[in-house]
Amino acid sequence: MADSIGGIPLRLLEEAARQLNKVVPPEATAHFLNAQREVVLGVTALIETHNQAATPSRGRRSAAPSARPRRPRRVPVD
């Protein structure tokens, strides 16, 4: 019984796609699918980058990363 209920949305989507293909040209459909793919890849990259930044690294850090002066030393010019 669960298979027949789960198939209803799939059949509705297939029918909607069939009806939409009658109205939308194939070039527009291909463009839409490519844009959709780019959005999904962008969101995936954002999520992965956020997850990598949120997790602490396992390597050792130096004891004092701020010991180095922020401004460069002045070099005398002859």
Protein backbone atom coordinates (compact mmCIF):
# COMPACT_ATOMS: atom_id res chain seq x y z
CA MET A 1 0.00 0.00 0.00
CA ALA A 2 2.88 2.39 0.77
CA ASP A 3 4.27 1.84 -2.75
CA SER A 4 1.03 2.95 -4.37
CA ILE A 5 0.82 6.08 -2.20
CA GLY A 6 4.49 6.94 -2.82
CA GLY A 7 3.97 6.61 -6.57
CA ILE A 8 1.22 9.24 -6.73
CA PRO A 9 3.51 12.30 -6.36
CA LEU A 10 5.93 10.76 -8.84
CA ARG A 11 3.14 10.28 -11.39
CA LEU A 12 1.92 13.84 -10.80
CA LEU A 13 5.42 15.22 -11.39
CA GLU A 14 5.84 13.13 -14.53
CA GLU A 15 2.52 14.38 -15.89
CA ALA A 16 3.40 17.99 -15.04
CA ALA A 17 6.75 17.60 -16.84
CA ARG A 18 5.00 16.16 -19.89
CA GLN A 19 2.55 19.08 -20.00
CA LEU A 20 5.34 21.61 -19.45
CA ASN A 21 7.38 20.14 -22.31
CA LYS A 22 4.51 20.99 -24.64
CA VAL A 23 4.84 24.69 -23.73
CA VAL A 24 8.54 25.23 -22.95
CA PRO A 25 11.10 24.86 -25.76
CA PRO A 26 13.90 22.29 -25.26
CA GLU A 27 16.61 24.99 -25.20
CA ALA A 28 14.91 26.70 -22.26
CA THR A 29 14.58 23.39 -20.45
CA ALA A 30 18.30 22.66 -20.94
CA HIS A 31 19.20 26.16 -19.73
CA PHE A 32 16.99 25.75 -16.66
CA LEU A 33 18.55 22.38 -15.79
CA ASN A 34 22.07 23.80 -16.15
CA ALA A 35 21.19 26.75 -13.91
CA GLN A 36 19.66 24.39 -11.37
CA ARG A 37 22.83 22.28 -11.37
CA GLU A 38 24.97 25.39 -10.78
CA VAL A 39 22.81 26.47 -7.86
CA VAL A 40 23.03 23.04 -6.26
CA LEU A 41 26.82 22.96 -6.70
CA GLY A 42 27.12 26.45 -5.22
CA VAL A 43 25.04 25.57 -2.18
CA THR A 44 27.05 22.37 -1.73
CA ALA A 45 30.31 24.32 -1.85
CA LEU A 46 28.99 26.81 0.71
CA ILE A 47 27.93 24.04 3.07
CA GLU A 48 31.26 22.21 2.73
CA THR A 49 33.26 25.40 3.28
CA HIS A 50 31.18 26.29 6.33
CA ASN A 51 31.60 22.81 7.78
CA GLN A 52 35.38 22.87 7.24
CA ALA A 53 35.67 26.27 8.92
CA ALA A 54 33.55 25.16 11.89
CA THR A 55 35.57 22.04 12.70
CA PRO A 56 38.86 22.55 14.54
CA SER A 57 42.00 21.33 12.80
CA ARG A 58 43.80 18.34 14.27
CA GLY A 59 47.29 19.71 13.71
CA ARG A 60 49.29 21.64 16.28
CA ARG A 61 49.29 25.38 16.17
CA SER A 62 52.23 27.57 16.99
CA ALA A 63 52.28 28.95 20.51
CA ALA A 64 52.20 32.64 19.61
CA PRO A 65 51.03 33.47 16.08
CA SER A 66 50.68 37.15 17.06
CA ALA A 67 54.34 37.46 18.18
CA ARG A 68 55.25 38.60 14.67
CA PRO A 69 54.85 42.37 14.24
CA ARG A 70 51.95 43.42 12.04
CA ARG A 71 53.78 46.27 10.34
CA PRO A 72 56.98 45.63 8.39
CA ARG A 73 60.23 47.13 9.67
CA ARG A 74 61.52 50.24 8.00
CA VAL A 75 64.50 49.64 5.82
CA PRO A 76 67.02 52.48 5.56
CA VAL A 77 67.56 53.60 1.98
CA ASP A 78 70.97 54.98 0.96
